[in-house]
Amino acid sequence: KPLHHPLLMFYFAVYKCAADNYLENLKKN
């Protein structure tokens, strides 16, 4: 619950975007 501030949740969600993009590029290399 202490992490339910939108700033934190936004950063976590963007991390997921970057991680998914990284995995896609890693597999294509």
mmCIF file of all heavy atoms, coordinates in Angstrom:
data_MODEL
# 
_entry.id   MODEL 
# 
loop_
_atom_site.group_PDB 
_atom_site.id 
_atom_site.type_symbol 
_atom_site.label_atom_id 
_atom_site.label_alt_id 
_atom_site.label_comp_id 
_atom_site.label_asym_id 
_atom_site.label_entity_id 
_atom_site.label_seq_id 
_atom_site.pdbx_PDB_ins_code 
_atom_site.Cartn_x 
_atom_site.Cartn_y 
_atom_site.Cartn_z 
_atom_site.occupancy 
_atom_site.B_iso_or_equiv 
_atom_site.pdbx_formal_charge 
_atom_site.auth_seq_id 
_atom_site.auth_comp_id 
_atom_site.auth_asym_id 
_atom_site.auth_atom_id 
_atom_site.pdbx_PDB_model_num 
ATOM 1   N N   . LYS A 1 1  ? 0.809  -1.225  0.000   1.00 0.00 ? 1  LYS A N   1 
ATOM 2   C CA  . LYS A 1 1  ? 0.000  0.000   0.000   1.00 0.00 ? 1  LYS A CA  1 
ATOM 3   C C   . LYS A 1 1  ? 0.841  1.274   0.000   1.00 0.00 ? 1  LYS A C   1 
ATOM 4   O O   . LYS A 1 1  ? 0.484  2.250   -0.679  1.00 0.00 ? 1  LYS A O   1 
ATOM 5   C CB  . LYS A 1 1  ? -0.962 0.001   1.183   1.00 0.00 ? 1  LYS A CB  1 
ATOM 6   C CG  . LYS A 1 1  ? -2.027 1.088   1.081   1.00 0.00 ? 1  LYS A CG  1 
ATOM 7   C CD  . LYS A 1 1  ? -3.079 0.928   2.173   1.00 0.00 ? 1  LYS A CD  1 
ATOM 8   C CE  . LYS A 1 1  ? -4.152 2.002   2.039   1.00 0.00 ? 1  LYS A CE  1 
ATOM 9   N NZ  . LYS A 1 1  ? -5.208 1.857   3.085   1.00 0.00 ? 1  LYS A NZ  1 
ATOM 10  N N   . PRO A 1 2  ? 1.970  1.344   0.732   1.00 0.00 ? 2  PRO A N   1 
ATOM 11  C CA  . PRO A 1 2  ? 2.784  2.567   0.687   1.00 0.00 ? 2  PRO A CA  1 
ATOM 12  C C   . PRO A 1 2  ? 3.317  2.898   -0.715  1.00 0.00 ? 2  PRO A C   1 
ATOM 13  O O   . PRO A 1 2  ? 3.744  4.026   -0.961  1.00 0.00 ? 2  PRO A O   1 
ATOM 14  C CB  . PRO A 1 2  ? 3.934  2.270   1.653   1.00 0.00 ? 2  PRO A CB  1 
ATOM 15  C CG  . PRO A 1 2  ? 3.392  1.235   2.578   1.00 0.00 ? 2  PRO A CG  1 
ATOM 16  C CD  . PRO A 1 2  ? 2.488  0.388   1.726   1.00 0.00 ? 2  PRO A CD  1 
ATOM 17  N N   . LEU A 1 3  ? 3.286  1.916   -1.614  1.00 0.00 ? 3  LEU A N   1 
ATOM 18  C CA  . LEU A 1 3  ? 3.809  2.129   -2.971  1.00 0.00 ? 3  LEU A CA  1 
ATOM 19  C C   . LEU A 1 3  ? 2.727  2.526   -3.954  1.00 0.00 ? 3  LEU A C   1 
ATOM 20  O O   . LEU A 1 3  ? 2.995  2.639   -5.161  1.00 0.00 ? 3  LEU A O   1 
ATOM 21  C CB  . LEU A 1 3  ? 4.506  0.857   -3.467  1.00 0.00 ? 3  LEU A CB  1 
ATOM 22  C CG  . LEU A 1 3  ? 5.615  0.283   -2.581  1.00 0.00 ? 3  LEU A CG  1 
ATOM 23  C CD1 . LEU A 1 3  ? 6.235  -0.940  -3.237  1.00 0.00 ? 3  LEU A CD1 1 
ATOM 24  C CD2 . LEU A 1 3  ? 6.684  1.334   -2.287  1.00 0.00 ? 3  LEU A CD2 1 
ATOM 25  N N   . HIS A 1 4  ? 1.518  2.774   -3.488  1.00 0.00 ? 4  HIS A N   1 
ATOM 26  C CA  . HIS A 1 4  ? 0.405  3.076   -4.383  1.00 0.00 ? 4  HIS A CA  1 
ATOM 27  C C   . HIS A 1 4  ? 0.336  4.541   -4.811  1.00 0.00 ? 4  HIS A C   1 
ATOM 28  O O   . HIS A 1 4  ? -0.725 5.022   -5.186  1.00 0.00 ? 4  HIS A O   1 
ATOM 29  C CB  . HIS A 1 4  ? -0.924 2.670   -3.731  1.00 0.00 ? 4  HIS A CB  1 
ATOM 30  C CG  . HIS A 1 4  ? -1.141 1.195   -3.701  1.00 0.00 ? 4  HIS A CG  1 
ATOM 31  N ND1 . HIS A 1 4  ? -2.223 0.598   -3.081  1.00 0.00 ? 4  HIS A ND1 1 
ATOM 32  C CD2 . HIS A 1 4  ? -0.404 0.174   -4.208  1.00 0.00 ? 4  HIS A CD2 1 
ATOM 33  C CE1 . HIS A 1 4  ? -2.145 -0.716  -3.213  1.00 0.00 ? 4  HIS A CE1 1 
ATOM 34  N NE2 . HIS A 1 4  ? -1.045 -1.001  -3.892  1.00 0.00 ? 4  HIS A NE2 1 
ATOM 35  N N   . HIS A 1 5  ? 1.429  5.236   -4.727  1.00 0.00 ? 5  HIS A N   1 
ATOM 36  C CA  . HIS A 1 5  ? 1.474  6.604   -5.247  1.00 0.00 ? 5  HIS A CA  1 
ATOM 37  C C   . HIS A 1 5  ? 1.662  6.527   -6.766  1.00 0.00 ? 5  HIS A C   1 
ATOM 38  O O   . HIS A 1 5  ? 2.468  5.729   -7.251  1.00 0.00 ? 5  HIS A O   1 
ATOM 39  C CB  . HIS A 1 5  ? 2.623  7.380   -4.602  1.00 0.00 ? 5  HIS A CB  1 
ATOM 40  C CG  . HIS A 1 5  ? 2.615  8.847   -4.900  1.00 0.00 ? 5  HIS A CG  1 
ATOM 41  N ND1 . HIS A 1 5  ? 3.024  9.359   -6.110  1.00 0.00 ? 5  HIS A ND1 1 
ATOM 42  C CD2 . HIS A 1 5  ? 2.233  9.914   -4.154  1.00 0.00 ? 5  HIS A CD2 1 
ATOM 43  C CE1 . HIS A 1 5  ? 2.917  10.679  -6.088  1.00 0.00 ? 5  HIS A CE1 1 
ATOM 44  N NE2 . HIS A 1 5  ? 2.434  11.040  -4.908  1.00 0.00 ? 5  HIS A NE2 1 
ATOM 45  N N   . PRO A 1 6  ? 0.939  7.335   -7.545  1.00 0.00 ? 6  PRO A N   1 
ATOM 46  C CA  . PRO A 1 6  ? 1.019  7.214   -9.007  1.00 0.00 ? 6  PRO A CA  1 
ATOM 47  C C   . PRO A 1 6  ? 2.416  7.411   -9.565  1.00 0.00 ? 6  PRO A C   1 
ATOM 48  O O   . PRO A 1 6  ? 2.762  6.802   -10.589 1.00 0.00 ? 6  PRO A O   1 
ATOM 49  C CB  . PRO A 1 6  ? 0.049  8.284   -9.513  1.00 0.00 ? 6  PRO A CB  1 
ATOM 50  C CG  . PRO A 1 6  ? -0.185 9.191   -8.358  1.00 0.00 ? 6  PRO A CG  1 
ATOM 51  C CD  . PRO A 1 6  ? -0.050 8.340   -7.136  1.00 0.00 ? 6  PRO A CD  1 
ATOM 52  N N   . LEU A 1 7  ? 3.238  8.248   -8.926  1.00 0.00 ? 7  LEU A N   1 
ATOM 53  C CA  . LEU A 1 7  ? 4.597  8.437   -9.424  1.00 0.00 ? 7  LEU A CA  1 
ATOM 54  C C   . LEU A 1 7  ? 5.368  7.129   -9.388  1.00 0.00 ? 7  LEU A C   1 
ATOM 55  O O   . LEU A 1 7  ? 6.029  6.752   -10.364 1.00 0.00 ? 7  LEU A O   1 
ATOM 56  C CB  . LEU A 1 7  ? 5.318  9.502   -8.590  1.00 0.00 ? 7  LEU A CB  1 
ATOM 57  C CG  . LEU A 1 7  ? 6.779  9.761   -8.990  1.00 0.00 ? 7  LEU A CG  1 
ATOM 58  C CD1 . LEU A 1 7  ? 6.846  10.379  -10.382 1.00 0.00 ? 7  LEU A CD1 1 
ATOM 59  C CD2 . LEU A 1 7  ? 7.475  10.648  -7.972  1.00 0.00 ? 7  LEU A CD2 1 
ATOM 60  N N   . LEU A 1 8  ? 5.276  6.410   -8.267  1.00 0.00 ? 8  LEU A N   1 
ATOM 61  C CA  . LEU A 1 8  ? 5.968  5.137   -8.141  1.00 0.00 ? 8  LEU A CA  1 
ATOM 62  C C   . LEU A 1 8  ? 5.410  4.106   -9.109  1.00 0.00 ? 8  LEU A C   1 
ATOM 63  O O   . LEU A 1 8  ? 6.161  3.414   -9.805  1.00 0.00 ? 8  LEU A O   1 
ATOM 64  C CB  . LEU A 1 8  ? 5.842  4.617   -6.705  1.00 0.00 ? 8  LEU A CB  1 
ATOM 65  C CG  . LEU A 1 8  ? 6.693  5.290   -5.636  1.00 0.00 ? 8  LEU A CG  1 
ATOM 66  C CD1 . LEU A 1 8  ? 6.372  4.694   -4.277  1.00 0.00 ? 8  LEU A CD1 1 
ATOM 67  C CD2 . LEU A 1 8  ? 8.161  5.134   -5.955  1.00 0.00 ? 8  LEU A CD2 1 
ATOM 68  N N   . MET A 1 9  ? 4.096  3.986   -9.151  1.00 0.00 ? 9  MET A N   1 
ATOM 69  C CA  . MET A 1 9  ? 3.478  2.976   -10.017 1.00 0.00 ? 9  MET A CA  1 
ATOM 70  C C   . MET A 1 9  ? 3.794  3.257   -11.479 1.00 0.00 ? 9  MET A C   1 
ATOM 71  O O   . MET A 1 9  ? 3.989  2.328   -12.277 1.00 0.00 ? 9  MET A O   1 
ATOM 72  C CB  . MET A 1 9  ? 1.972  2.925   -9.767  1.00 0.00 ? 9  MET A CB  1 
ATOM 73  C CG  . MET A 1 9  ? 1.605  2.484   -8.359  1.00 0.00 ? 9  MET A CG  1 
ATOM 74  S SD  . MET A 1 9  ? -0.170 2.161   -8.145  1.00 0.00 ? 9  MET A SD  1 
ATOM 75  C CE  . MET A 1 9  ? -0.847 3.809   -8.403  1.00 0.00 ? 9  MET A CE  1 
ATOM 76  N N   . PHE A 1 10 ? 3.863  4.524   -11.839 1.00 0.00 ? 10 PHE A N   1 
ATOM 77  C CA  . PHE A 1 10 ? 4.235  4.899   -13.203 1.00 0.00 ? 10 PHE A CA  1 
ATOM 78  C C   . PHE A 1 10 ? 5.661  4.462   -13.516 1.00 0.00 ? 10 PHE A C   1 
ATOM 79  O O   . PHE A 1 10 ? 5.926  3.872   -14.572 1.00 0.00 ? 10 PHE A O   1 
ATOM 80  C CB  . PHE A 1 10 ? 4.087  6.416   -13.376 1.00 0.00 ? 10 PHE A CB  1 
ATOM 81  C CG  . PHE A 1 10 ? 4.719  6.956   -14.626 1.00 0.00 ? 10 PHE A CG  1 
ATOM 82  C CD1 . PHE A 1 10 ? 4.132  6.721   -15.866 1.00 0.00 ? 10 PHE A CD1 1 
ATOM 83  C CD2 . PHE A 1 10 ? 5.890  7.700   -14.571 1.00 0.00 ? 10 PHE A CD2 1 
ATOM 84  C CE1 . PHE A 1 10 ? 4.713  7.214   -17.029 1.00 0.00 ? 10 PHE A CE1 1 
ATOM 85  C CE2 . PHE A 1 10 ? 6.467  8.196   -15.726 1.00 0.00 ? 10 PHE A CE2 1 
ATOM 86  C CZ  . PHE A 1 10 ? 5.883  7.950   -16.954 1.00 0.00 ? 10 PHE A CZ  1 
ATOM 87  N N   . TYR A 1 11 ? 6.593  4.728   -12.607 1.00 0.00 ? 11 TYR A N   1 
ATOM 88  C CA  . TYR A 1 11 ? 7.979  4.316   -12.837 1.00 0.00 ? 11 TYR A CA  1 
ATOM 89  C C   . TYR A 1 11 ? 8.082  2.799   -12.986 1.00 0.00 ? 11 TYR A C   1 
ATOM 90  O O   . TYR A 1 11 ? 8.810  2.291   -13.850 1.00 0.00 ? 11 TYR A O   1 
ATOM 91  C CB  . TYR A 1 11 ? 8.861  4.800   -11.684 1.00 0.00 ? 11 TYR A CB  1 
ATOM 92  C CG  . TYR A 1 11 ? 9.491  6.149   -11.923 1.00 0.00 ? 11 TYR A CG  1 
ATOM 93  C CD1 . TYR A 1 11 ? 8.707  7.298   -11.995 1.00 0.00 ? 11 TYR A CD1 1 
ATOM 94  C CD2 . TYR A 1 11 ? 10.859 6.299   -12.074 1.00 0.00 ? 11 TYR A CD2 1 
ATOM 95  C CE1 . TYR A 1 11 ? 9.273  8.540   -12.214 1.00 0.00 ? 11 TYR A CE1 1 
ATOM 96  C CE2 . TYR A 1 11 ? 11.438 7.532   -12.293 1.00 0.00 ? 11 TYR A CE2 1 
ATOM 97  C CZ  . TYR A 1 11 ? 10.637 8.660   -12.363 1.00 0.00 ? 11 TYR A CZ  1 
ATOM 98  O OH  . TYR A 1 11 ? 11.221 9.881   -12.588 1.00 0.00 ? 11 TYR A OH  1 
ATOM 99  N N   . PHE A 1 12 ? 7.360  2.074   -12.138 1.00 0.00 ? 12 PHE A N   1 
ATOM 100 C CA  . PHE A 1 12 ? 7.398  0.613   -12.236 1.00 0.00 ? 12 PHE A CA  1 
ATOM 101 C C   . PHE A 1 12 ? 6.841  0.143   -13.579 1.00 0.00 ? 12 PHE A C   1 
ATOM 102 O O   . PHE A 1 12 ? 7.375  -0.782  -14.201 1.00 0.00 ? 12 PHE A O   1 
ATOM 103 C CB  . PHE A 1 12 ? 6.589  -0.013  -11.105 1.00 0.00 ? 12 PHE A CB  1 
ATOM 104 C CG  . PHE A 1 12 ? 7.132  0.252   -9.723  1.00 0.00 ? 12 PHE A CG  1 
ATOM 105 C CD1 . PHE A 1 12 ? 6.307  0.175   -8.613  1.00 0.00 ? 12 PHE A CD1 1 
ATOM 106 C CD2 . PHE A 1 12 ? 8.463  0.575   -9.519  1.00 0.00 ? 12 PHE A CD2 1 
ATOM 107 C CE1 . PHE A 1 12 ? 6.783  0.397   -7.336  1.00 0.00 ? 12 PHE A CE1 1 
ATOM 108 C CE2 . PHE A 1 12 ? 8.966  0.814   -8.247  1.00 0.00 ? 12 PHE A CE2 1 
ATOM 109 C CZ  . PHE A 1 12 ? 8.117  0.732   -7.152  1.00 0.00 ? 12 PHE A CZ  1 
ATOM 110 N N   . ALA A 1 13 ? 5.746  0.771   -14.019 1.00 0.00 ? 13 ALA A N   1 
ATOM 111 C CA  . ALA A 1 13 ? 5.118  0.380   -15.286 1.00 0.00 ? 13 ALA A CA  1 
ATOM 112 C C   . ALA A 1 13 ? 6.032  0.681   -16.465 1.00 0.00 ? 13 ALA A C   1 
ATOM 113 O O   . ALA A 1 13 ? 6.101  -0.098  -17.426 1.00 0.00 ? 13 ALA A O   1 
ATOM 114 C CB  . ALA A 1 13 ? 3.773  1.082   -15.445 1.00 0.00 ? 13 ALA A CB  1 
ATOM 115 N N   . VAL A 1 14 ? 6.749  1.799   -16.408 1.00 0.00 ? 14 VAL A N   1 
ATOM 116 C CA  . VAL A 1 14 ? 7.682  2.132   -17.484 1.00 0.00 ? 14 VAL A CA  1 
ATOM 117 C C   . VAL A 1 14 ? 8.851  1.156   -17.480 1.00 0.00 ? 14 VAL A C   1 
ATOM 118 O O   . VAL A 1 14 ? 9.363  0.773   -18.545 1.00 0.00 ? 14 VAL A O   1 
ATOM 119 C CB  . VAL A 1 14 ? 8.169  3.583   -17.363 1.00 0.00 ? 14 VAL A CB  1 
ATOM 120 C CG1 . VAL A 1 14 ? 9.279  3.874   -18.366 1.00 0.00 ? 14 VAL A CG1 1 
ATOM 121 C CG2 . VAL A 1 14 ? 7.014  4.551   -17.588 1.00 0.00 ? 14 VAL A CG2 1 
ATOM 122 N N   . TYR A 1 15 ? 9.272  0.737   -16.292 1.00 0.00 ? 15 TYR A N   1 
ATOM 123 C CA  . TYR A 1 15 ? 10.315 -0.288  -16.223 1.00 0.00 ? 15 TYR A CA  1 
ATOM 124 C C   . TYR A 1 15 ? 9.878  -1.544  -16.976 1.00 0.00 ? 15 TYR A C   1 
ATOM 125 O O   . TYR A 1 15 ? 10.672 -2.152  -17.706 1.00 0.00 ? 15 TYR A O   1 
ATOM 126 C CB  . TYR A 1 15 ? 10.631 -0.638  -14.770 1.00 0.00 ? 15 TYR A CB  1 
ATOM 127 C CG  . TYR A 1 15 ? 11.547 -1.838  -14.630 1.00 0.00 ? 15 TYR A CG  1 
ATOM 128 C CD1 . TYR A 1 15 ? 12.929 -1.698  -14.701 1.00 0.00 ? 15 TYR A CD1 1 
ATOM 129 C CD2 . TYR A 1 15 ? 11.034 -3.127  -14.454 1.00 0.00 ? 15 TYR A CD2 1 
ATOM 130 C CE1 . TYR A 1 15 ? 13.773 -2.792  -14.598 1.00 0.00 ? 15 TYR A CE1 1 
ATOM 131 C CE2 . TYR A 1 15 ? 11.864 -4.228  -14.354 1.00 0.00 ? 15 TYR A CE2 1 
ATOM 132 C CZ  . TYR A 1 15 ? 13.233 -4.045  -14.420 1.00 0.00 ? 15 TYR A CZ  1 
ATOM 133 O OH  . TYR A 1 15 ? 14.064 -5.142  -14.337 1.00 0.00 ? 15 TYR A OH  1 
ATOM 134 N N   . LYS A 1 16 ? 8.642  -1.934  -16.799 1.00 0.00 ? 16 LYS A N   1 
ATOM 135 C CA  . LYS A 1 16 ? 8.122  -3.098  -17.513 1.00 0.00 ? 16 LYS A CA  1 
ATOM 136 C C   . LYS A 1 16 ? 8.222  -2.888  -19.027 1.00 0.00 ? 16 LYS A C   1 
ATOM 137 O O   . LYS A 1 16 ? 8.615  -3.805  -19.761 1.00 0.00 ? 16 LYS A O   1 
ATOM 138 C CB  . LYS A 1 16 ? 6.674  -3.381  -17.125 1.00 0.00 ? 16 LYS A CB  1 
ATOM 139 C CG  . LYS A 1 16 ? 6.034  -4.553  -17.871 1.00 0.00 ? 16 LYS A CG  1 
ATOM 140 C CD  . LYS A 1 16 ? 4.574  -4.726  -17.490 1.00 0.00 ? 16 LYS A CD  1 
ATOM 141 C CE  . LYS A 1 16 ? 3.954  -5.938  -18.178 1.00 0.00 ? 16 LYS A CE  1 
ATOM 142 N NZ  . LYS A 1 16 ? 4.026  -5.870  -19.664 1.00 0.00 ? 16 LYS A NZ  1 
ATOM 143 N N   . CYS A 1 17 ? 7.879  -1.698  -19.494 1.00 0.00 ? 17 CYS A N   1 
ATOM 144 C CA  . CYS A 1 17 ? 7.981  -1.396  -20.924 1.00 0.00 ? 17 CYS A CA  1 
ATOM 145 C C   . CYS A 1 17 ? 9.419  -1.545  -21.403 1.00 0.00 ? 17 CYS A C   1 
ATOM 146 O O   . CYS A 1 17 ? 9.682  -2.161  -22.451 1.00 0.00 ? 17 CYS A O   1 
ATOM 147 C CB  . CYS A 1 17 ? 7.487  0.023   -21.206 1.00 0.00 ? 17 CYS A CB  1 
ATOM 148 S SG  . CYS A 1 17 ? 5.737  0.308   -20.899 1.00 0.00 ? 17 CYS A SG  1 
ATOM 149 N N   . ALA A 1 18 ? 10.354 -0.969  -20.646 1.00 0.00 ? 18 ALA A N   1 
ATOM 150 C CA  . ALA A 1 18 ? 11.759 -1.042  -21.024 1.00 0.00 ? 18 ALA A CA  1 
ATOM 151 C C   . ALA A 1 18 ? 12.271 -2.478  -20.964 1.00 0.00 ? 18 ALA A C   1 
ATOM 152 O O   . ALA A 1 18 ? 13.040 -2.916  -21.831 1.00 0.00 ? 18 ALA A O   1 
ATOM 153 C CB  . ALA A 1 18 ? 12.590 -0.139  -20.114 1.00 0.00 ? 18 ALA A CB  1 
ATOM 154 N N   . ALA A 1 19 ? 11.841 -3.233  -19.941 1.00 0.00 ? 19 ALA A N   1 
ATOM 155 C CA  . ALA A 1 19 ? 12.279 -4.624  -19.802 1.00 0.00 ? 19 ALA A CA  1 
ATOM 156 C C   . ALA A 1 19 ? 11.763 -5.476  -20.953 1.00 0.00 ? 19 ALA A C   1 
ATOM 157 O O   . ALA A 1 19 ? 12.497 -6.294  -21.511 1.00 0.00 ? 19 ALA A O   1 
ATOM 158 C CB  . ALA A 1 19 ? 11.797 -5.188  -18.466 1.00 0.00 ? 19 ALA A CB  1 
ATOM 159 N N   . ASP A 1 20 ? 10.506 -5.287  -21.331 1.00 0.00 ? 20 ASP A N   1 
ATOM 160 C CA  . ASP A 1 20 ? 9.934  -6.053  -22.441 1.00 0.00 ? 20 ASP A CA  1 
ATOM 161 C C   . ASP A 1 20 ? 10.646 -5.721  -23.747 1.00 0.00 ? 20 ASP A C   1 
ATOM 162 O O   . ASP A 1 20 ? 10.924 -6.605  -24.570 1.00 0.00 ? 20 ASP A O   1 
ATOM 163 C CB  . ASP A 1 20 ? 8.442  -5.762  -22.574 1.00 0.00 ? 20 ASP A CB  1 
ATOM 164 C CG  . ASP A 1 20 ? 7.619  -6.365  -21.445 1.00 0.00 ? 20 ASP A CG  1 
ATOM 165 O OD1 . ASP A 1 20 ? 8.136  -7.261  -20.745 1.00 0.00 ? 20 ASP A OD1 1 
ATOM 166 O OD2 . ASP A 1 20 ? 6.464  -5.938  -21.266 1.00 0.00 ? 20 ASP A OD2 1 
ATOM 167 N N   . ASN A 1 21 ? 10.950 -4.441  -23.947 1.00 0.00 ? 21 ASN A N   1 
ATOM 168 C CA  . ASN A 1 21 ? 11.665 -4.031  -25.152 1.00 0.00 ? 21 ASN A CA  1 
ATOM 169 C C   . ASN A 1 21 ? 13.074 -4.614  -25.164 1.00 0.00 ? 21 ASN A C   1 
ATOM 170 O O   . ASN A 1 21 ? 13.561 -5.085  -26.200 1.00 0.00 ? 21 ASN A O   1 
ATOM 171 C CB  . ASN A 1 21 ? 11.707 -2.505  -25.218 1.00 0.00 ? 21 ASN A CB  1 
ATOM 172 C CG  . ASN A 1 21 ? 12.438 -1.996  -26.445 1.00 0.00 ? 21 ASN A CG  1 
ATOM 173 O OD1 . ASN A 1 21 ? 13.637 -1.727  -26.394 1.00 0.00 ? 21 ASN A OD1 1 
ATOM 174 N ND2 . ASN A 1 21 ? 11.712 -1.881  -27.545 1.00 0.00 ? 21 ASN A ND2 1 
ATOM 175 N N   . TYR A 1 22 ? 13.730 -4.605  -24.004 1.00 0.00 ? 22 TYR A N   1 
ATOM 176 C CA  . TYR A 1 22 ? 15.071 -5.181  -23.885 1.00 0.00 ? 22 TYR A CA  1 
ATOM 177 C C   . TYR A 1 22 ? 15.060 -6.667  -24.220 1.00 0.00 ? 22 TYR A C   1 
ATOM 178 O O   . TYR A 1 22 ? 15.914 -7.153  -24.983 1.00 0.00 ? 22 TYR A O   1 
ATOM 179 C CB  . TYR A 1 22 ? 15.593 -4.965  -22.468 1.00 0.00 ? 22 TYR A CB  1 
ATOM 180 C CG  . TYR A 1 22 ? 16.772 -5.836  -22.108 1.00 0.00 ? 22 TYR A CG  1 
ATOM 181 C CD1 . TYR A 1 22 ? 18.048 -5.546  -22.582 1.00 0.00 ? 22 TYR A CD1 1 
ATOM 182 C CD2 . TYR A 1 22 ? 16.612 -6.967  -21.301 1.00 0.00 ? 22 TYR A CD2 1 
ATOM 183 C CE1 . TYR A 1 22 ? 19.131 -6.359  -22.259 1.00 0.00 ? 22 TYR A CE1 1 
ATOM 184 C CE2 . TYR A 1 22 ? 17.682 -7.775  -20.970 1.00 0.00 ? 22 TYR A CE2 1 
ATOM 185 C CZ  . TYR A 1 22 ? 18.939 -7.464  -21.452 1.00 0.00 ? 22 TYR A CZ  1 
ATOM 186 O OH  . TYR A 1 22 ? 20.004 -8.271  -21.144 1.00 0.00 ? 22 TYR A OH  1 
ATOM 187 N N   . LEU A 1 23 ? 14.102 -7.401  -23.672 1.00 0.00 ? 23 LEU A N   1 
ATOM 188 C CA  . LEU A 1 23 ? 14.033 -8.835  -23.930 1.00 0.00 ? 23 LEU A CA  1 
ATOM 189 C C   . LEU A 1 23 ? 13.802 -9.128  -25.408 1.00 0.00 ? 23 LEU A C   1 
ATOM 190 O O   . LEU A 1 23 ? 14.368 -10.073 -25.967 1.00 0.00 ? 23 LEU A O   1 
ATOM 191 C CB  . LEU A 1 23 ? 12.922 -9.463  -23.090 1.00 0.00 ? 23 LEU A CB  1 
ATOM 192 C CG  . LEU A 1 23 ? 13.178 -9.513  -21.578 1.00 0.00 ? 23 LEU A CG  1 
ATOM 193 C CD1 . LEU A 1 23 ? 11.942 -10.013 -20.843 1.00 0.00 ? 23 LEU A CD1 1 
ATOM 194 C CD2 . LEU A 1 23 ? 14.387 -10.384 -21.256 1.00 0.00 ? 23 LEU A CD2 1 
ATOM 195 N N   . GLU A 1 24 ? 12.985 -8.309  -26.037 1.00 0.00 ? 24 GLU A N   1 
ATOM 196 C CA  . GLU A 1 24 ? 12.726 -8.483  -27.467 1.00 0.00 ? 24 GLU A CA  1 
ATOM 197 C C   . GLU A 1 24 ? 14.008 -8.295  -28.271 1.00 0.00 ? 24 GLU A C   1 
ATOM 198 O O   . GLU A 1 24 ? 14.309 -9.086  -29.177 1.00 0.00 ? 24 GLU A O   1 
ATOM 199 C CB  . GLU A 1 24 ? 11.665 -7.477  -27.913 1.00 0.00 ? 24 GLU A CB  1 
ATOM 200 C CG  . GLU A 1 24 ? 11.309 -7.562  -29.381 1.00 0.00 ? 24 GLU A CG  1 
ATOM 201 C CD  . GLU A 1 24 ? 10.270 -6.537  -29.796 1.00 0.00 ? 24 GLU A CD  1 
ATOM 202 O OE1 . GLU A 1 24 ? 9.633  -5.926  -28.911 1.00 0.00 ? 24 GLU A OE1 1 
ATOM 203 O OE2 . GLU A 1 24 ? 10.106 -6.316  -31.017 1.00 0.00 ? 24 GLU A OE2 1 
ATOM 204 N N   . ASN A 1 25 ? 14.774 -7.263  -27.943 1.00 0.00 ? 25 ASN A N   1 
ATOM 205 C CA  . ASN A 1 25 ? 16.020 -7.000  -28.665 1.00 0.00 ? 25 ASN A CA  1 
ATOM 206 C C   . ASN A 1 25 ? 17.102 -8.010  -28.324 1.00 0.00 ? 25 ASN A C   1 
ATOM 207 O O   . ASN A 1 25 ? 17.920 -8.363  -29.183 1.00 0.00 ? 25 ASN A O   1 
ATOM 208 C CB  . ASN A 1 25 ? 16.501 -5.579  -28.366 1.00 0.00 ? 25 ASN A CB  1 
ATOM 209 C CG  . ASN A 1 25 ? 15.683 -4.522  -29.083 1.00 0.00 ? 25 ASN A CG  1 
ATOM 210 O OD1 . ASN A 1 25 ? 15.826 -4.316  -30.282 1.00 0.00 ? 25 ASN A OD1 1 
ATOM 211 N ND2 . ASN A 1 25 ? 14.799 -3.865  -28.361 1.00 0.00 ? 25 ASN A ND2 1 
ATOM 212 N N   . LEU A 1 26 ? 17.107 -8.483  -27.094 1.00 0.00 ? 26 LEU A N   1 
ATOM 213 C CA  . LEU A 1 26 ? 18.071 -9.504  -26.703 1.00 0.00 ? 26 LEU A CA  1 
ATOM 214 C C   . LEU A 1 26 ? 17.863 -10.776 -27.516 1.00 0.00 ? 26 LEU A C   1 
ATOM 215 O O   . LEU A 1 26 ? 18.820 -11.373 -28.023 1.00 0.00 ? 26 LEU A O   1 
ATOM 216 C CB  . LEU A 1 26 ? 17.912 -9.799  -25.208 1.00 0.00 ? 26 LEU A CB  1 
ATOM 217 C CG  . LEU A 1 26 ? 18.835 -10.870 -24.621 1.00 0.00 ? 26 LEU A CG  1 
ATOM 218 C CD1 . LEU A 1 26 ? 20.273 -10.372 -24.582 1.00 0.00 ? 26 LEU A CD1 1 
ATOM 219 C CD2 . LEU A 1 26 ? 18.372 -11.245 -23.199 1.00 0.00 ? 26 LEU A CD2 1 
ATOM 220 N N   . LYS A 1 27 ? 16.604 -11.177 -27.663 1.00 0.00 ? 27 LYS A N   1 
ATOM 221 C CA  . LYS A 1 27 ? 16.301 -12.409 -28.397 1.00 0.00 ? 27 LYS A CA  1 
ATOM 222 C C   . LYS A 1 27 ? 16.588 -12.273 -29.893 1.00 0.00 ? 27 LYS A C   1 
ATOM 223 O O   . LYS A 1 27 ? 16.899 -13.261 -30.559 1.00 0.00 ? 27 LYS A O   1 
ATOM 224 C CB  . LYS A 1 27 ? 14.845 -12.793 -28.162 1.00 0.00 ? 27 LYS A CB  1 
ATOM 225 C CG  . LYS A 1 27 ? 14.546 -13.209 -26.728 1.00 0.00 ? 27 LYS A CG  1 
ATOM 226 C CD  . LYS A 1 27 ? 13.067 -13.416 -26.489 1.00 0.00 ? 27 LYS A CD  1 
ATOM 227 C CE  . LYS A 1 27 ? 12.785 -13.773 -25.037 1.00 0.00 ? 27 LYS A CE  1 
ATOM 228 N NZ  . LYS A 1 27 ? 11.338 -13.908 -24.752 1.00 0.00 ? 27 LYS A NZ  1 
ATOM 229 N N   . LYS A 1 28 ? 16.497 -11.050 -30.411 1.00 0.00 ? 28 LYS A N   1 
ATOM 230 C CA  . LYS A 1 28 ? 16.716 -10.835 -31.839 1.00 0.00 ? 28 LYS A CA  1 
ATOM 231 C C   . LYS A 1 28 ? 18.196 -10.721 -32.202 1.00 0.00 ? 28 LYS A C   1 
ATOM 232 O O   . LYS A 1 28 ? 18.544 -10.749 -33.380 1.00 0.00 ? 28 LYS A O   1 
ATOM 233 C CB  . LYS A 1 28 ? 15.987 -9.565  -32.305 1.00 0.00 ? 28 LYS A CB  1 
ATOM 234 C CG  . LYS A 1 28 ? 14.486 -9.687  -32.344 1.00 0.00 ? 28 LYS A CG  1 
ATOM 235 C CD  . LYS A 1 28 ? 13.838 -8.531  -33.084 1.00 0.00 ? 28 LYS A CD  1 
ATOM 236 C CE  . LYS A 1 28 ? 14.209 -7.186  -32.518 1.00 0.00 ? 28 LYS A CE  1 
ATOM 237 N NZ  . LYS A 1 28 ? 13.455 -6.073  -33.179 1.00 0.00 ? 28 LYS A NZ  1 
ATOM 238 N N   . ASN A 1 29 ? 19.058 -10.571 -31.206 1.00 0.00 ? 29 ASN A N   1 
ATOM 239 C CA  . ASN A 1 29 ? 20.472 -10.365 -31.480 1.00 0.00 ? 29 ASN A CA  1 
ATOM 240 C C   . ASN A 1 29 ? 21.147 -11.704 -31.782 1.00 0.00 ? 29 ASN A C   1 
ATOM 241 O O   . ASN A 1 29 ? 21.394 -12.507 -30.879 1.00 0.00 ? 29 ASN A O   1 
ATOM 242 C CB  . ASN A 1 29 ? 21.147 -9.677  -30.295 1.00 0.00 ? 29 ASN A CB  1 
ATOM 243 C CG  . ASN A 1 29 ? 22.544 -9.195  -30.636 1.00 0.00 ? 29 ASN A CG  1 
ATOM 244 O OD1 . ASN A 1 29 ? 23.448 -9.992  -30.855 1.00 0.00 ? 29 ASN A OD1 1 
ATOM 245 N ND2 . ASN A 1 29 ? 22.710 -7.872  -30.672 1.00 0.00 ? 29 ASN A ND2 1 
# 
